[in-house]
């Protein structure tokens, strides 16, 4: 048996804005530029939130209030995040803890399922053994009843034959 592949995606770089996981930080930077740091009006891409904010204010004379395509609780423009830099340590630790809990629950669940399966097999084998023992006990009881049927029982009432030989037909 080989080593099982473990899901360690919770240790990989992730996008703070949408919680997507990436192979490395290069892909994360590309994702942030394409999804979160892109002007919604002219589709220009920027490397940071600040440069997007400055562009929107100067080119379109608007105020950027939230990061595009981000979840509601993480769309604040005040977060200075580039790749994994600037992501609050609490969020990283929360993600690692959650991933580790899911991993161990999966392992423990698999062990629990295996134990449950083994118990079911053991119960089935015990039932089969009990049936075989019951069949043997029933056979022994039947044999004993047959033996007892033909044994002399002193407490039994004797059979009395009251025959009058004179009344029998003569041959």
Protein backbone atom coordinates (compact mmCIF):
# COMPACT_ATOMS: atom_id res chain seq x y z
CA UNK A 1 0.00 0.00 0.00
CA UNK A 2 1.28 3.41 -0.90
CA UNK A 3 0.99 6.63 0.90
CA UNK A 4 -2.37 8.35 0.57
CA UNK A 5 -2.60 11.76 -1.05
CA UNK A 6 -3.50 14.27 1.61
CA UNK A 7 -5.52 17.38 0.94
CA UNK A 8 -3.23 20.16 2.13
CA UNK A 9 -4.90 22.92 0.13
CA UNK A 10 -5.47 24.86 3.34
CA UNK A 11 -1.69 25.44 3.48
CA UNK A 12 -1.48 26.81 -0.08
CA UNK A 13 -1.75 30.51 -1.01
CA UNK A 14 -5.34 31.74 -1.14
CA UNK A 15 -7.13 34.87 -2.27
CA UNK A 16 -8.25 36.88 0.73
CA UNK A 17 -11.09 38.43 -1.24
CA UNK A 18 -12.81 35.29 -2.57
CA UNK A 19 -11.12 32.44 -0.63
CA UNK A 20 -9.93 30.62 -3.76
CA UNK A 21 -6.80 28.43 -3.39
CA UNK A 22 -3.80 28.55 -5.74
CA UNK A 23 -0.77 26.44 -6.56
CA UNK A 24 1.61 29.31 -5.82
CA UNK A 25 1.66 33.08 -5.31
CA UNK A 26 2.30 33.86 -9.00
CA UNK A 27 -1.13 32.45 -9.90
CA UNK A 28 -2.62 34.28 -6.93
CA UNK A 29 -1.22 37.63 -8.22
CA UNK A 30 -2.61 36.93 -11.69
CA UNK A 31 -6.01 36.11 -10.19
CA UNK A 32 -6.12 39.27 -8.07
CA UNK A 33 -5.22 41.42 -11.07
CA UNK A 34 -7.85 39.78 -13.28
CA UNK A 35 -10.71 39.55 -10.78
CA UNK A 36 -10.27 42.03 -7.96
CA UNK A 37 -7.93 44.80 -9.18
CA UNK A 38 -9.57 45.38 -12.56
CA UNK A 39 -11.50 48.52 -13.46
CA UNK A 40 -15.13 47.61 -14.10
CA UNK A 41 -15.58 50.43 -16.64
CA UNK A 42 -12.50 50.24 -18.89
CA UNK A 43 -11.25 46.73 -17.94
CA UNK A 44 -7.71 47.86 -17.12
CA UNK A 45 -5.84 45.61 -14.72
CA UNK A 46 -3.82 46.88 -11.76
CA UNK A 47 -1.36 45.27 -9.40
CA UNK A 48 -2.86 46.67 -6.20
CA UNK A 49 -6.01 48.03 -4.69
CA UNK A 50 -4.48 51.50 -4.27
CA UNK A 51 -3.58 51.83 -7.96
CA UNK A 52 -7.14 50.73 -8.92
CA UNK A 53 -8.59 53.26 -6.49
CA UNK A 54 -6.39 56.08 -7.91
CA UNK A 55 -7.30 55.12 -11.48
CA UNK A 56 -11.07 55.13 -10.79
CA UNK A 57 -10.83 58.54 -9.08
CA UNK A 58 -8.68 60.17 -11.77
CA UNK A 59 -9.96 58.56 -14.98
CA UNK A 60 -13.64 58.08 -14.18
CA UNK A 61 -14.14 60.69 -11.42
CA UNK A 62 -15.78 58.14 -9.14
CA UNK A 63 -15.06 56.92 -5.65
CA UNK A 64 -14.26 53.24 -5.24
CA UNK A 65 -15.96 51.99 -2.08
CA UNK A 66 -15.32 48.26 -2.26
CA UNK A 67 -13.17 45.69 -4.03
CA UNK A 68 -14.88 44.19 -7.11
CA UNK A 69 -15.87 40.50 -6.99
CA UNK A 70 -15.04 40.17 -3.29
CA UNK A 71 -17.21 38.62 -0.60
CA UNK A 72 -19.22 41.12 1.42
CA UNK A 73 -17.22 40.77 4.63
CA UNK A 74 -13.86 41.18 2.84
CA UNK A 75 -14.59 43.88 0.29
CA UNK A 76 -13.19 46.76 2.37
CA UNK A 77 -10.95 49.08 0.33
CA UNK A 78 -8.79 49.83 3.38
CA UNK A 79 -7.14 46.40 3.32
CA UNK A 80 -3.72 46.69 1.70
CA UNK A 81 -3.32 43.19 0.29
CA UNK A 82 -1.06 41.98 -2.49
CA UNK A 83 -0.84 38.23 -2.86
CA UNK A 84 -0.48 36.87 0.65
CA UNK A 85 1.15 40.05 1.95
CA UNK A 86 -1.16 42.06 4.14
CA UNK A 87 -3.59 39.20 4.84
CA UNK A 88 -4.42 39.35 8.56
CA UNK A 89 -2.60 36.65 10.51
CA UNK A 90 -5.87 35.73 12.22
CA UNK A 91 -7.42 34.82 8.85
CA UNK A 92 -4.46 32.62 7.91
CA UNK A 93 -4.54 30.82 11.27
CA UNK A 94 -8.33 30.41 11.03
CA UNK A 95 -7.96 28.82 7.58
CA UNK A 96 -5.19 26.47 8.75
CA UNK A 97 -7.20 25.45 11.84
CA UNK A 98 -10.35 24.85 9.78
CA UNK A 99 -8.45 22.80 7.17
CA UNK A 100 -6.73 20.71 9.83
CA UNK A 101 -10.07 20.05 11.57
CA UNK A 102 -11.67 18.95 8.30
CA UNK A 103 -8.70 16.70 7.53
CA UNK A 104 -8.77 15.01 10.92
CA UNK A 105 -12.55 14.66 10.90
CA UNK A 106 -12.25 12.91 7.55
CA UNK A 107 -9.58 10.55 8.92
CA UNK A 108 -11.52 9.85 12.12
CA UNK A 109 -14.72 9.37 10.16
CA UNK A 110 -12.99 6.82 7.90
CA UNK A 111 -11.67 4.97 10.97
CA UNK A 112 -15.13 5.05 12.53
CA UNK A 113 -16.68 3.67 9.33
CA UNK A 114 -14.07 0.88 9.24
CA UNK A 115 -14.75 -0.06 12.89
CA UNK A 116 -18.48 -0.01 12.23
CA UNK A 117 -18.05 -2.31 9.23
CA UNK A 118 -15.91 -4.72 11.29
CA UNK A 119 -18.51 -4.74 14.08
CA UNK A 120 -21.29 -5.55 11.60
CA UNK A 121 -19.26 -8.48 10.25
CA UNK A 122 -18.54 -9.71 13.78
CA UNK A 123 -22.26 -9.52 14.70
CA UNK A 124 -23.20 -11.42 11.54
CA UNK A 125 -20.65 -14.14 12.31
CA UNK A 126 -21.93 -14.38 15.89
CA UNK A 127 -25.52 -14.76 14.65
CA UNK A 128 -24.47 -17.56 12.30
CA UNK A 129 -22.59 -19.29 15.13
CA UNK A 130 -25.61 -18.90 17.44
CA UNK A 131 -27.91 -20.41 14.82
CA UNK A 132 -25.57 -23.38 14.41
CA UNK A 133 -25.41 -23.83 18.21
CA UNK A 134 -29.23 -23.60 18.45
CA UNK A 135 -29.64 -26.20 15.70
CA UNK A 136 -27.27 -28.54 17.56
CA UNK A 137 -29.12 -27.94 20.86
CA UNK A 138 -32.49 -28.64 19.21
CA UNK A 139 -31.12 -31.86 17.68
CA UNK A 140 -29.78 -32.96 21.06
CA UNK A 141 -33.12 -32.16 22.73
CA UNK A 142 -35.03 -34.14 20.08
CA UNK A 143 -32.69 -37.10 20.46
CA UNK A 144 -33.08 -36.95 24.23
CA UNK A 145 -36.89 -36.86 23.90
CA UNK A 146 -36.79 -39.93 21.66
CA UNK A 147 -34.63 -41.75 24.17
CA UNK A 148 -36.86 -40.69 27.07
CA UNK A 149 -39.94 -41.87 25.18
CA UNK A 150 -38.73 -45.48 25.22
CA UNK A 151 -37.21 -45.51 28.71
CA UNK A 152 -38.92 -47.14 31.69
CA UNK A 153 -40.60 -44.61 33.93
CA UNK A 154 -41.51 -46.00 37.37
CA UNK A 155 -43.87 -43.10 38.06
CA UNK A 156 -45.93 -43.78 35.00
CA UNK A 157 -49.24 -45.60 35.51
CA UNK A 158 -48.98 -49.19 34.37
CA UNK A 159 -51.03 -50.31 31.44
CA UNK A 160 -53.55 -52.93 32.53
CA UNK A 161 -54.85 -55.37 29.99
CA UNK A 162 -58.16 -56.68 31.16
CA UNK A 163 -58.93 -59.36 28.65
CA UNK A 164 -61.31 -62.17 29.03
CA UNK A 165 -59.87 -65.00 27.02
CA UNK A 166 -63.17 -66.79 26.98
CA UNK A 167 -64.83 -64.12 24.88
CA UNK A 168 -62.21 -64.17 22.14
CA UNK A 169 -63.29 -65.97 19.01
CA UNK A 170 -61.84 -69.39 18.69
CA UNK A 171 -60.08 -70.38 15.63
